[in-house]
Amino acid sequence: MFIRRLVIGALMAAARNPAVQKKAGEAASRAATQARPNLIKASRRAGELTRKAHDKLRDMTDPK
């Protein structure tokens, strides 16, 4: 329990450091840039699946 509190305290102190915040922001930016193509592809796929599900549900509920 004491070690956990010590580690959490050290991490919180580091998070308040502007240099650490800048490095973390740069790392997050690089990760987002690398993930972007896959995120766009997943978003398009989710849109396709949603449209298909909507069409299927509409076909089942609309009397013709």
Protein backbone atom coordinates (compact mmCIF):
# COMPACT_ATOMS: atom_id res chain seq x y z
CA MET A 1 0.00 0.00 0.00
CA PHE A 2 2.82 2.39 0.87
CA ILE A 3 4.72 1.61 -2.34
CA ARG A 4 1.57 2.18 -4.37
CA ARG A 5 1.03 5.58 -2.74
CA LEU A 6 4.68 6.46 -3.35
CA VAL A 7 4.49 5.52 -7.04
CA ILE A 8 1.20 7.36 -7.57
CA GLY A 9 2.64 10.43 -5.85
CA ALA A 10 5.71 10.36 -8.08
CA LEU A 11 3.55 10.03 -11.20
CA MET A 12 1.34 12.91 -10.11
CA ALA A 13 4.38 15.09 -9.48
CA ALA A 14 5.77 14.23 -12.90
CA ALA A 15 2.41 14.99 -14.53
CA ARG A 16 2.56 18.54 -13.15
CA ASN A 17 5.94 19.10 -14.80
CA PRO A 18 5.54 21.20 -18.00
CA ALA A 19 8.39 19.39 -19.79
CA VAL A 20 6.73 16.02 -19.11
CA GLN A 21 3.38 17.41 -20.25
CA LYS A 22 4.94 18.60 -23.50
CA LYS A 23 6.56 15.20 -24.18
CA ALA A 24 3.29 13.42 -23.37
CA GLY A 25 1.43 15.70 -25.77
CA GLU A 26 3.95 15.02 -28.53
CA ALA A 27 3.69 11.26 -27.96
CA ALA A 28 -0.12 11.43 -28.03
CA SER A 29 0.00 13.45 -31.24
CA ARG A 30 2.27 10.90 -32.91
CA ALA A 31 0.05 8.03 -31.77
CA ALA A 32 -3.07 9.77 -33.10
CA THR A 33 -1.37 10.46 -36.43
CA GLN A 34 -0.34 6.82 -36.80
CA ALA A 35 -3.78 5.53 -35.78
CA ARG A 36 -5.72 7.88 -38.08
CA PRO A 37 -5.86 5.67 -41.23
CA ASN A 38 -7.14 2.70 -39.24
CA LEU A 39 -9.65 4.88 -37.39
CA ILE A 40 -11.00 6.25 -40.66
CA LYS A 41 -11.26 2.75 -42.11
CA ALA A 42 -13.08 1.51 -38.99
CA SER A 43 -15.43 4.49 -39.10
CA ARG A 44 -16.34 3.79 -42.72
CA ARG A 45 -16.91 0.11 -41.93
CA ALA A 46 -19.12 1.01 -38.97
CA GLY A 47 -21.15 3.32 -41.21
CA GLU A 48 -21.61 0.56 -43.78
CA LEU A 49 -22.73 -1.92 -41.15
CA THR A 50 -25.12 0.61 -39.64
CA ARG A 51 -26.69 1.33 -43.04
CA LYS A 52 -27.06 -2.39 -43.77
CA ALA A 53 -28.66 -3.00 -40.38
CA HIS A 54 -31.03 -0.08 -40.90
CA ASP A 55 -32.03 -1.32 -44.34
CA LYS A 56 -32.55 -4.85 -43.05
CA LEU A 57 -34.67 -3.64 -40.14
CA ARG A 58 -36.71 -1.38 -42.43
CA ASP A 59 -37.33 -4.31 -44.83
CA MET A 60 -38.53 -6.48 -41.96
CA THR A 61 -40.91 -3.86 -40.50
CA ASP A 62 -42.27 -2.19 -43.66
CA PRO A 63 -45.32 -3.95 -45.06
CA LYS A 64 -45.22 -4.00 -48.84
